[in-house]
């Protein structure tokens, strides 16, 4: 019976030894996990510092751009103010010149304005006639016909060859 009493003790010692081995393995694993977690924390801290540096750099760039934009806006505002002042001065000068011209020509200001408006209307009318004549030339060239128009009493003939490749184009020029 004495042998029987040692057998359970031997089994208990094996169990204790197995538990101690398991405990050592668990402590080793916990140490490895702790080291890995610490390493990850250091890596995250480094990334966080990099991110903070990037954010600070971004803020700095935005500030510089905002300052530059504000300077440009101020320059444009100053230029517009200068232009408005200059235009106001020009308007006054033009008005004074019209009064002087009317006085020299012995006309009223309204008569001088009518004459000036008539000149502008004549120029506009001449421009319209020129465009109509150009349209006539272009329309007649589409049909391949000879074009002519009368401009201030003179006849003008324009001939432009129309080939298979379009107006005035030869195959070598394409």
Protein backbone atom coordinates (compact mmCIF):
# COMPACT_ATOMS: atom_id res chain seq x y z
CA UNK A 1 0.00 0.00 0.00
CA UNK A 2 2.89 2.26 0.48
CA UNK A 3 3.51 2.22 -3.24
CA UNK A 4 -0.04 3.24 -3.86
CA UNK A 5 0.31 6.30 -1.72
CA UNK A 6 3.34 7.47 -3.72
CA UNK A 7 1.59 7.04 -7.02
CA UNK A 8 -0.90 9.78 -6.38
CA UNK A 9 1.94 11.96 -5.12
CA UNK A 10 3.89 11.29 -8.29
CA UNK A 11 0.82 12.17 -10.37
CA UNK A 12 0.35 15.29 -8.30
CA UNK A 13 3.98 16.25 -8.84
CA UNK A 14 3.54 15.81 -12.59
CA UNK A 15 0.42 17.93 -12.48
CA UNK A 16 2.22 20.61 -10.46
CA UNK A 17 5.15 20.45 -12.87
CA UNK A 18 2.77 20.73 -15.85
CA UNK A 19 0.99 23.66 -14.18
CA UNK A 20 4.32 25.36 -13.49
CA UNK A 21 5.31 24.84 -17.12
CA UNK A 22 1.97 26.27 -18.25
CA UNK A 23 2.43 29.20 -15.86
CA UNK A 24 5.91 29.88 -17.24
CA UNK A 25 4.57 29.70 -20.79
CA UNK A 26 1.72 32.07 -19.87
CA UNK A 27 4.19 34.50 -18.25
CA UNK A 28 6.46 34.30 -21.32
CA UNK A 29 3.47 34.91 -23.62
CA UNK A 30 2.29 37.80 -21.42
CA UNK A 31 5.81 39.28 -21.57
CA UNK A 32 5.87 38.94 -25.36
CA UNK A 33 2.42 40.54 -25.61
CA UNK A 34 3.54 43.33 -23.32
CA UNK A 35 6.68 43.92 -25.44
CA UNK A 36 4.63 43.86 -28.66
CA UNK A 37 2.09 46.28 -27.18
CA UNK A 38 4.89 48.60 -26.05
CA UNK A 39 6.45 48.45 -29.53
CA UNK A 40 3.09 49.23 -31.14
CA UNK A 41 2.55 52.12 -28.72
CA UNK A 42 5.97 53.56 -29.63
CA UNK A 43 5.19 53.15 -33.35
CA UNK A 44 1.79 54.82 -32.91
CA UNK A 45 3.39 57.62 -30.91
CA UNK A 46 5.89 58.15 -33.74
CA UNK A 47 3.11 58.18 -36.33
CA UNK A 48 1.13 60.57 -34.17
CA UNK A 49 4.11 62.91 -33.96
CA UNK A 50 4.52 62.71 -37.75
CA UNK A 51 0.82 63.41 -38.23
CA UNK A 52 1.02 66.37 -35.87
CA UNK A 53 4.05 67.67 -37.78
CA UNK A 54 2.12 67.30 -41.07
CA UNK A 55 -0.88 69.12 -39.62
CA UNK A 56 1.38 71.91 -38.35
CA UNK A 57 3.02 72.18 -41.78
CA UNK A 58 -0.40 72.21 -43.47
CA UNK A 59 -1.58 74.97 -41.12
CA UNK A 60 1.57 76.94 -41.89
CA UNK A 61 1.02 76.59 -45.65
CA UNK A 62 -2.63 77.60 -45.31
CA UNK A 63 -1.60 80.67 -43.29
CA UNK A 64 0.98 81.67 -45.91
CA UNK A 65 -1.56 81.19 -48.72
CA UNK A 66 -4.17 83.17 -46.81
CA UNK A 67 -1.72 86.02 -46.24
CA UNK A 68 -0.74 85.99 -49.92
CA UNK A 69 -4.38 85.92 -50.98
CA UNK A 70 -5.20 88.80 -48.67
CA UNK A 71 -2.28 90.81 -50.05
CA UNK A 72 -3.47 90.18 -53.62
CA UNK A 73 -7.04 91.12 -52.70
CA UNK A 74 -5.76 94.34 -51.13
CA UNK A 75 -3.71 95.09 -54.26
CA UNK A 76 -6.75 94.51 -56.48
CA UNK A 77 -8.89 96.70 -54.22
CA UNK A 78 -6.28 99.46 -54.38
CA UNK A 79 -6.07 99.14 -58.18
CA UNK A 80 -9.86 99.31 -58.48
CA UNK A 81 -10.00 102.35 -56.23
CA UNK A 82 -7.23 103.98 -58.27
CA UNK A 83 -9.07 103.15 -61.51
CA UNK A 84 -12.35 104.53 -60.15
CA UNK A 85 -10.59 107.73 -59.12
CA UNK A 86 -8.85 107.97 -62.49
CA UNK A 87 -12.11 107.32 -64.36
CA UNK A 88 -13.81 109.99 -62.28
CA UNK A 89 -11.00 112.41 -63.14
CA UNK A 90 -11.24 111.42 -66.83
CA UNK A 91 -15.00 111.96 -66.78
CA UNK A 92 -14.50 115.42 -65.33
CA UNK A 93 -11.76 116.16 -67.89
CA UNK A 94 -13.90 114.88 -70.79
CA UNK A 95 -16.84 116.94 -69.58
CA UNK A 96 -14.65 120.02 -69.34
CA UNK A 97 -13.20 119.31 -72.81
CA UNK A 98 -16.71 119.02 -74.26
CA UNK A 99 -17.68 122.34 -72.68
CA UNK A 100 -14.54 123.96 -74.10
CA UNK A 101 -15.08 122.41 -77.56
CA UNK A 102 -18.71 123.54 -77.60
CA UNK A 103 -17.59 127.02 -76.61
CA UNK A 104 -14.91 127.16 -79.32
CA UNK A 105 -17.31 125.83 -81.98
CA UNK A 106 -20.03 128.15 -80.72
CA UNK A 107 -22.38 125.18 -80.13
CA UNK A 108 -24.42 124.06 -77.19
CA UNK A 109 -23.28 120.97 -75.31
CA UNK A 110 -26.30 119.03 -76.58
CA UNK A 111 -25.50 119.97 -80.20
CA UNK A 112 -21.90 118.81 -79.74
CA UNK A 113 -23.14 115.55 -78.20
CA UNK A 114 -25.45 115.00 -81.19
CA UNK A 115 -22.55 115.54 -83.61
CA UNK A 116 -20.33 113.13 -81.67
CA UNK A 117 -23.14 110.55 -81.47
CA UNK A 118 -23.72 110.92 -85.22
CA UNK A 119 -20.04 110.18 -85.89
CA UNK A 120 -20.23 107.07 -83.73
CA UNK A 121 -23.42 105.99 -85.47
CA UNK A 122 -21.77 106.51 -88.89
CA UNK A 123 -18.81 104.37 -87.82
CA UNK A 124 -21.17 101.67 -86.57
CA UNK A 125 -23.12 101.82 -89.82
CA UNK A 126 -19.90 101.51 -91.86
CA UNK A 127 -18.91 98.49 -89.78
CA UNK A 128 -22.28 96.86 -90.43
CA UNK A 129 -22.00 97.52 -94.19
CA UNK A 130 -18.52 96.03 -94.21
CA UNK A 131 -19.76 92.89 -92.42
CA UNK A 132 -22.67 92.56 -94.87
CA UNK A 133 -20.27 92.85 -97.79
CA UNK A 134 -18.04 90.21 -96.24
CA UNK A 135 -21.05 87.91 -95.80
CA UNK A 136 -21.95 88.42 -99.47
CA UNK A 137 -18.42 87.53 -100.55
CA UNK A 138 -18.31 84.43 -98.37
CA UNK A 139 -21.78 83.31 -99.49
CA UNK A 140 -20.91 83.76 -103.15
CA UNK A 141 -17.63 81.87 -102.76
CA UNK A 142 -19.55 78.85 -101.50
CA UNK A 143 -21.29 78.63 -104.86
CA UNK A 144 -18.04 79.26 -106.78
CA UNK A 145 -19.43 82.40 -108.39
CA UNK A 146 -17.62 85.65 -109.01
CA UNK A 147 -18.42 88.22 -106.30
CA UNK A 148 -18.59 91.94 -106.51
CA UNK A 149 -19.96 94.67 -104.36
CA UNK A 150 -20.10 98.40 -104.45
CA UNK A 151 -18.35 100.30 -101.71
CA UNK A 152 -18.61 104.08 -101.78
CA UNK A 153 -19.14 104.14 -105.52
CA UNK A 154 -16.43 101.68 -106.65
CA UNK A 155 -16.94 98.13 -107.83
CA UNK A 156 -14.66 95.48 -106.39
CA UNK A 157 -14.30 91.96 -107.79
CA UNK A 158 -12.92 89.18 -105.63
CA UNK A 159 -12.00 85.74 -106.96
CA UNK A 160 -10.99 82.96 -104.63
CA UNK A 161 -10.45 79.48 -106.07
CA UNK A 162 -12.57 76.79 -104.54
CA UNK A 163 -10.99 73.38 -104.88
CA UNK A 164 -12.11 69.98 -103.67
CA UNK A 165 -10.32 70.64 -100.36
CA UNK A 166 -12.09 73.92 -99.52
CA UNK A 167 -11.53 77.63 -100.04
CA UNK A 168 -8.09 78.38 -101.42
CA UNK A 169 -6.63 75.06 -100.20
CA UNK A 170 -4.51 72.86 -102.37
CA UNK A 171 -3.72 69.27 -101.44
CA UNK A 172 -0.11 70.25 -100.70
CA UNK A 173 -1.18 72.85 -98.11
CA UNK A 174 -3.21 70.33 -96.11
